[in-house]
Structure formats: structure tokens, C-alpha cells
């Protein structure tokens, strides 16, 4: 089973929007700075997530 990256990033973006609103940030970029979100980290995290899903089901 392979999770589509677009689905993963959609969930991630939705979570960032929630946290942004909770923290009262006027821009999602501010939340990303505080969450230390980078494309490299997202790629690494998605790879780990995908590997865990493969291990769980195969």
C-alpha cells in the first residue's frame, strides 16, 4: 500500500491551518516557521511514514 503524497500533504496542510488559527497567526507562513516545516523535512517524514505503512501491511 502506497499513500499518495498529495493526500499526505493535504492532511498536513489542514493540520497547519488548524494550528495557525489556534495560535492566532495571520499567515500560515508564520506557523510553518514555528513548526520548522521545510520541504526536505516533509520529504523525509513522508518517506518514514510510507515505510511504516508498508511494514504494517506487507
PDB file of N, CA and C in Angstrom:
ATOM      1  N   UNK A   1       0.850  -1.180   0.000  1.00  0.00           N
ATOM      2  CA  UNK A   1       0.000   0.000   0.000  1.00  0.00           C
ATOM      3  C   UNK A   1       0.891   1.237   0.000  1.00  0.00           C
ATOM      4  N   UNK A   2       0.642   2.105  -0.925  1.00  0.00           N
ATOM      5  CA  UNK A   2       1.403   3.346  -1.011  1.00  0.00           C
ATOM      6  C   UNK A   2       0.432   4.509  -0.842  1.00  0.00           C
ATOM      7  N   UNK A   3       0.780   5.407   0.061  1.00  0.00           N
ATOM      8  CA  UNK A   3      -0.046   6.589   0.301  1.00  0.00           C
ATOM      9  C   UNK A   3       0.376   7.677  -0.678  1.00  0.00           C
ATOM     10  N   UNK A   4      -0.588   8.271  -1.347  1.00  0.00           N
ATOM     11  CA  UNK A   4      -0.299   9.348  -2.293  1.00  0.00           C
ATOM     12  C   UNK A   4       0.276  10.561  -1.560  1.00  0.00           C
ATOM     13  N   UNK A   5       1.380  11.101  -2.045  1.00  0.00           N
ATOM     14  CA  UNK A   5       1.954  12.292  -1.409  1.00  0.00           C
ATOM     15  C   UNK A   5       0.970  13.456  -1.341  1.00  0.00           C
ATOM     16  N   UNK A   6       0.150  13.629  -2.362  1.00  0.00           N
ATOM     17  CA  UNK A   6      -0.796  14.744  -2.356  1.00  0.00           C
ATOM     18  C   UNK A   6      -1.799  14.615  -1.216  1.00  0.00           C
ATOM     19  N   UNK A   7      -2.213  13.397  -0.905  1.00  0.00           N
ATOM     20  CA  UNK A   7      -3.134  13.175   0.211  1.00  0.00           C
ATOM     21  C   UNK A   7      -2.456  13.483   1.532  1.00  0.00           C
ATOM     22  N   UNK A   8      -1.217  13.011   1.676  1.00  0.00           N
ATOM     23  CA  UNK A   8      -0.451  13.276   2.891  1.00  0.00           C
ATOM     24  C   UNK A   8      -0.289  14.781   3.112  1.00  0.00           C
ATOM     25  N   UNK A   9       0.099  15.502   2.059  1.00  0.00           N
ATOM     26  CA  UNK A   9       0.321  16.938   2.194  1.00  0.00           C
ATOM     27  C   UNK A   9      -0.988  17.694   2.407  1.00  0.00           C
ATOM     28  N   UNK A  10      -2.089  17.173   1.882  1.00  0.00           N
ATOM     29  CA  UNK A  10      -3.390  17.799   2.141  1.00  0.00           C
ATOM     30  C   UNK A  10      -3.744  17.716   3.621  1.00  0.00           C
ATOM     31  N   UNK A  11      -3.505  16.538   4.219  1.00  0.00           N
ATOM     32  CA  UNK A  11      -3.750  16.392   5.654  1.00  0.00           C
ATOM     33  C   UNK A  11      -2.823  17.291   6.464  1.00  0.00           C
ATOM     34  N   UNK A  12      -1.560  17.339   6.062  1.00  0.00           N
ATOM     35  CA  UNK A  12      -0.592  18.176   6.758  1.00  0.00           C
ATOM     36  C   UNK A  12      -0.985  19.644   6.688  1.00  0.00           C
ATOM     37  N   UNK A  13      -1.380  20.095   5.518  1.00  0.00           N
ATOM     38  CA  UNK A  13      -1.777  21.490   5.352  1.00  0.00           C
ATOM     39  C   UNK A  13      -3.009  21.798   6.197  1.00  0.00           C
ATOM     40  N   UNK A  14      -3.955  20.871   6.233  1.00  0.00           N
ATOM     41  CA  UNK A  14      -5.154  21.068   7.046  1.00  0.00           C
ATOM     42  C   UNK A  14      -4.784  21.204   8.522  1.00  0.00           C
ATOM     43  N   UNK A  15      -3.844  20.372   8.991  1.00  0.00           N
ATOM     44  CA  UNK A  15      -3.388  20.463  10.382  1.00  0.00           C
ATOM     45  C   UNK A  15      -2.706  21.803  10.641  1.00  0.00           C
ATOM     46  N   UNK A  16      -1.889  22.259   9.695  1.00  0.00           N
ATOM     47  CA  UNK A  16      -1.222  23.549   9.856  1.00  0.00           C
ATOM     48  C   UNK A  16      -2.234  24.686   9.938  1.00  0.00           C
ATOM     49  N   UNK A  17      -3.286  24.590   9.142  1.00  0.00           N
ATOM     50  CA  UNK A  17      -4.323  25.629   9.189  1.00  0.00           C
ATOM     51  C   UNK A  17      -4.988  25.677  10.565  1.00  0.00           C
ATOM     52  N   UNK A  18      -5.265  24.509  11.120  1.00  0.00           N
ATOM     53  CA  UNK A  18      -5.879  24.443  12.453  1.00  0.00           C
ATOM     54  C   UNK A  18      -4.950  25.061  13.489  1.00  0.00           C
ATOM     55  N   UNK A  19      -3.672  24.655  13.473  1.00  0.00           N
ATOM     56  CA  UNK A  19      -2.718  25.205  14.435  1.00  0.00           C
ATOM     57  C   UNK A  19      -2.527  26.704  14.239  1.00  0.00           C
ATOM     58  N   UNK A  20      -2.536  27.140  12.994  1.00  0.00           N
ATOM     59  CA  UNK A  20      -2.391  28.565  12.704  1.00  0.00           C
ATOM     60  C   UNK A  20      -3.532  29.362  13.340  1.00  0.00           C
ATOM     61  N   UNK A  21      -4.736  28.838  13.212  1.00  0.00           N
ATOM     62  CA  UNK A  21      -5.899  29.516  13.791  1.00  0.00           C
ATOM     63  C   UNK A  21      -5.849  29.484  15.314  1.00  0.00           C
ATOM     64  N   UNK A  22      -5.479  28.359  15.880  1.00  0.00           N
ATOM     65  CA  UNK A  22      -5.390  28.240  17.339  1.00  0.00           C
ATOM     66  C   UNK A  22      -4.370  29.231  17.895  1.00  0.00           C
ATOM     67  N   UNK A  23      -3.225  29.346  17.200  1.00  0.00           N
ATOM     68  CA  UNK A  23      -2.164  30.237  17.663  1.00  0.00           C
ATOM     69  C   UNK A  23      -2.422  31.705  17.318  1.00  0.00           C
ATOM     70  N   UNK A  24      -3.428  31.950  16.502  1.00  0.00           N
ATOM     71  CA  UNK A  24      -3.776  33.319  16.150  1.00  0.00           C
ATOM     72  C   UNK A  24      -2.861  33.947  15.112  1.00  0.00           C
ATOM     73  N   UNK A  25      -2.193  33.117  14.326  1.00  0.00           N
ATOM     74  CA  UNK A  25      -1.322  33.645  13.286  1.00  0.00           C
ATOM     75  C   UNK A  25      -2.152  34.155  12.110  1.00  0.00           C
ATOM     76  N   UNK A  26      -1.743  35.291  11.560  1.00  0.00           N
ATOM     77  CA  UNK A  26      -2.461  35.831  10.407  1.00  0.00           C
ATOM     78  C   UNK A  26      -1.976  35.204   9.106  1.00  0.00           C
ATOM     79  N   UNK A  27      -0.859  34.493   9.149  1.00  0.00           N
ATOM     80  CA  UNK A  27      -0.302  33.867   7.959  1.00  0.00           C
ATOM     81  C   UNK A  27       0.143  32.440   8.289  1.00  0.00           C
ATOM     82  N   UNK A  28      -0.127  31.529   7.367  1.00  0.00           N
ATOM     83  CA  UNK A  28       0.309  30.136   7.543  1.00  0.00           C
ATOM     84  C   UNK A  28       1.829  30.062   7.558  1.00  0.00           C
ATOM     85  N   UNK A  29       2.494  31.018   6.898  1.00  0.00           N
ATOM     86  CA  UNK A  29       3.963  31.023   6.867  1.00  0.00           C
ATOM     87  C   UNK A  29       4.540  31.196   8.269  1.00  0.00           C
ATOM     88  N   UNK A  30       3.887  31.972   9.093  1.00  0.00           N
ATOM     89  CA  UNK A  30       4.336  32.147  10.474  1.00  0.00           C
ATOM     90  C   UNK A  30       4.262  30.810  11.207  1.00  0.00           C
ATOM     91  N   UNK A  31       3.180  30.088  11.003  1.00  0.00           N
ATOM     92  CA  UNK A  31       3.018  28.777  11.647  1.00  0.00           C
ATOM     93  C   UNK A  31       4.078  27.809  11.144  1.00  0.00           C
ATOM     94  N   UNK A  32       4.388  27.864   9.857  1.00  0.00           N
ATOM     95  CA  UNK A  32       5.403  26.985   9.287  1.00  0.00           C
ATOM     96  C   UNK A  32       6.771  27.272   9.899  1.00  0.00           C
ATOM     97  N   UNK A  33       7.060  28.536  10.146  1.00  0.00           N
ATOM     98  CA  UNK A  33       8.338  28.894  10.768  1.00  0.00           C
ATOM     99  C   UNK A  33       8.420  28.282  12.162  1.00  0.00           C
ATOM    100  N   UNK A  34       7.356  28.464  12.935  1.00  0.00           N
ATOM    101  CA  UNK A  34       7.360  27.920  14.288  1.00  0.00           C
ATOM    102  C   UNK A  34       7.371  26.397  14.286  1.00  0.00           C
ATOM    103  N   UNK A  35       6.736  25.798  13.301  1.00  0.00           N
ATOM    104  CA  UNK A  35       6.700  24.330  13.216  1.00  0.00           C
ATOM    105  C   UNK A  35       7.953  23.781  12.541  1.00  0.00           C
ATOM    106  N   UNK A  36       8.786  24.673  12.035  1.00  0.00           N
ATOM    107  CA  UNK A  36      10.027  24.300  11.348  1.00  0.00           C
ATOM    108  C   UNK A  36       9.770  23.337  10.195  1.00  0.00           C
ATOM    109  N   UNK A  37       8.793  23.693   9.393  1.00  0.00           N
ATOM    110  CA  UNK A  37       8.439  22.883   8.243  1.00  0.00           C
ATOM    111  C   UNK A  37       9.303  23.285   7.054  1.00  0.00           C
ATOM    112  N   UNK A  38       9.998  22.328   6.495  1.00  0.00           N
ATOM    113  CA  UNK A  38      10.774  22.537   5.286  1.00  0.00           C
ATOM    114  C   UNK A  38      10.462  21.408   4.317  1.00  0.00           C
ATOM    115  N   UNK A  39      10.693  21.647   3.055  1.00  0.00           N
ATOM    116  CA  UNK A  39      10.428  20.606   2.069  1.00  0.00           C
ATOM    117  C   UNK A  39      11.280  19.377   2.319  1.00  0.00           C
ATOM    118  N   UNK A  40      12.518  19.583   2.730  1.00  0.00           N
ATOM    119  CA  UNK A  40      13.396  18.447   2.998  1.00  0.00           C
ATOM    120  C   UNK A  40      12.858  17.610   4.157  1.00  0.00           C
ATOM    121  N   UNK A  41      12.412  18.284   5.226  1.00  0.00           N
ATOM    122  CA  UNK A  41      11.860  17.570   6.373  1.00  0.00           C
ATOM    123  C   UNK A  41      10.563  16.865   5.987  1.00  0.00           C
ATOM    124  N   UNK A  42       9.718  17.527   5.222  1.00  0.00           N
ATOM    125  CA  UNK A  42       8.473  16.898   4.788  1.00  0.00           C
ATOM    126  C   UNK A  42       8.751  15.649   3.964  1.00  0.00           C
ATOM    127  N   UNK A  43       9.732  15.739   3.083  1.00  0.00           N
ATOM    128  CA  UNK A  43      10.085  14.596   2.256  1.00  0.00           C
ATOM    129  C   UNK A  43      10.579  13.442   3.128  1.00  0.00           C
ATOM    130  N   UNK A  44      11.433  13.755   4.091  1.00  0.00           N
ATOM    131  CA  UNK A  44      11.955  12.728   4.991  1.00  0.00           C
ATOM    132  C   UNK A  44      10.823  12.107   5.819  1.00  0.00           C
ATOM    133  N   UNK A  45       9.968  12.964   6.376  1.00  0.00           N
ATOM    134  CA  UNK A  45       8.861  12.472   7.202  1.00  0.00           C
ATOM    135  C   UNK A  45       7.909  11.604   6.389  1.00  0.00           C
ATOM    136  N   UNK A  46       7.637  12.016   5.145  1.00  0.00           N
ATOM    137  CA  UNK A  46       6.737  11.232   4.311  1.00  0.00           C
ATOM    138  C   UNK A  46       7.355   9.875   3.998  1.00  0.00           C
ATOM    139  N   UNK A  47       8.656   9.842   3.756  1.00  0.00           N
ATOM    140  CA  UNK A  47       9.338   8.572   3.481  1.00  0.00           C
ATOM    141  C   UNK A  47       9.232   7.631   4.673  1.00  0.00           C
ATOM    142  N   UNK A  48       9.444   8.157   5.867  1.00  0.00           N
ATOM    143  CA  UNK A  48       9.335   7.347   7.080  1.00  0.00           C
ATOM    144  C   UNK A  48       7.896   6.842   7.244  1.00  0.00           C
ATOM    145  N   UNK A  49       6.940   7.726   7.040  1.00  0.00           N
ATOM    146  CA  UNK A  49       5.526   7.368   7.145  1.00  0.00           C
ATOM    147  C   UNK A  49       5.182   6.259   6.153  1.00  0.00           C
ATOM    148  N   UNK A  50       5.612   6.439   4.914  1.00  0.00           N
ATOM    149  CA  UNK A  50       5.318   5.461   3.879  1.00  0.00           C
ATOM    150  C   UNK A  50       5.969   4.115   4.200  1.00  0.00           C
ATOM    151  N   UNK A  51       7.197   4.138   4.700  1.00  0.00           N
ATOM    152  CA  UNK A  51       7.876   2.901   5.096  1.00  0.00           C
ATOM    153  C   UNK A  51       7.121   2.196   6.222  1.00  0.00           C
ATOM    154  N   UNK A  52       6.636   2.968   7.182  1.00  0.00           N
ATOM    155  CA  UNK A  52       5.882   2.384   8.302  1.00  0.00           C
ATOM    156  C   UNK A  52       4.582   1.747   7.822  1.00  0.00           C
ATOM    157  N   UNK A  53       3.942   2.388   6.876  1.00  0.00           N
ATOM    158  CA  UNK A  53       2.693   1.834   6.326  1.00  0.00           C
ATOM    159  C   UNK A  53       3.006   0.525   5.606  1.00  0.00           C
ATOM    160  N   UNK A  54       4.087   0.504   4.830  1.00  0.00           N
ATOM    161  CA  UNK A  54       4.467  -0.726   4.123  1.00  0.00           C
ATOM    162  C   UNK A  54       4.752  -1.838   5.123  1.00  0.00           C
ATOM    163  N   UNK A  55       5.492  -1.515   6.201  1.00  0.00           N
ATOM    164  CA  UNK A  55       5.814  -2.529   7.210  1.00  0.00           C
ATOM    165  C   UNK A  55       4.562  -3.063   7.904  1.00  0.00           C
ATOM    166  N   UNK A  56       3.594  -2.200   8.095  1.00  0.00           N
ATOM    167  CA  UNK A  56       2.375  -2.600   8.805  1.00  0.00           C
ATOM    168  C   UNK A  56       1.489  -3.514   7.975  1.00  0.00           C
ATOM    169  N   UNK A  57       1.516  -3.349   6.660  1.00  0.00           N
ATOM    170  CA  UNK A  57       0.582  -4.084   5.818  1.00  0.00           C
ATOM    171  C   UNK A  57       1.215  -5.155   4.939  1.00  0.00           C
ATOM    172  N   UNK A  58       2.531  -5.167   4.838  1.00  0.00           N
ATOM    173  CA  UNK A  58       3.173  -6.137   3.939  1.00  0.00           C
ATOM    174  C   UNK A  58       4.215  -6.935   4.636  1.00  0.00           C
TER     175      UNK A  58
END
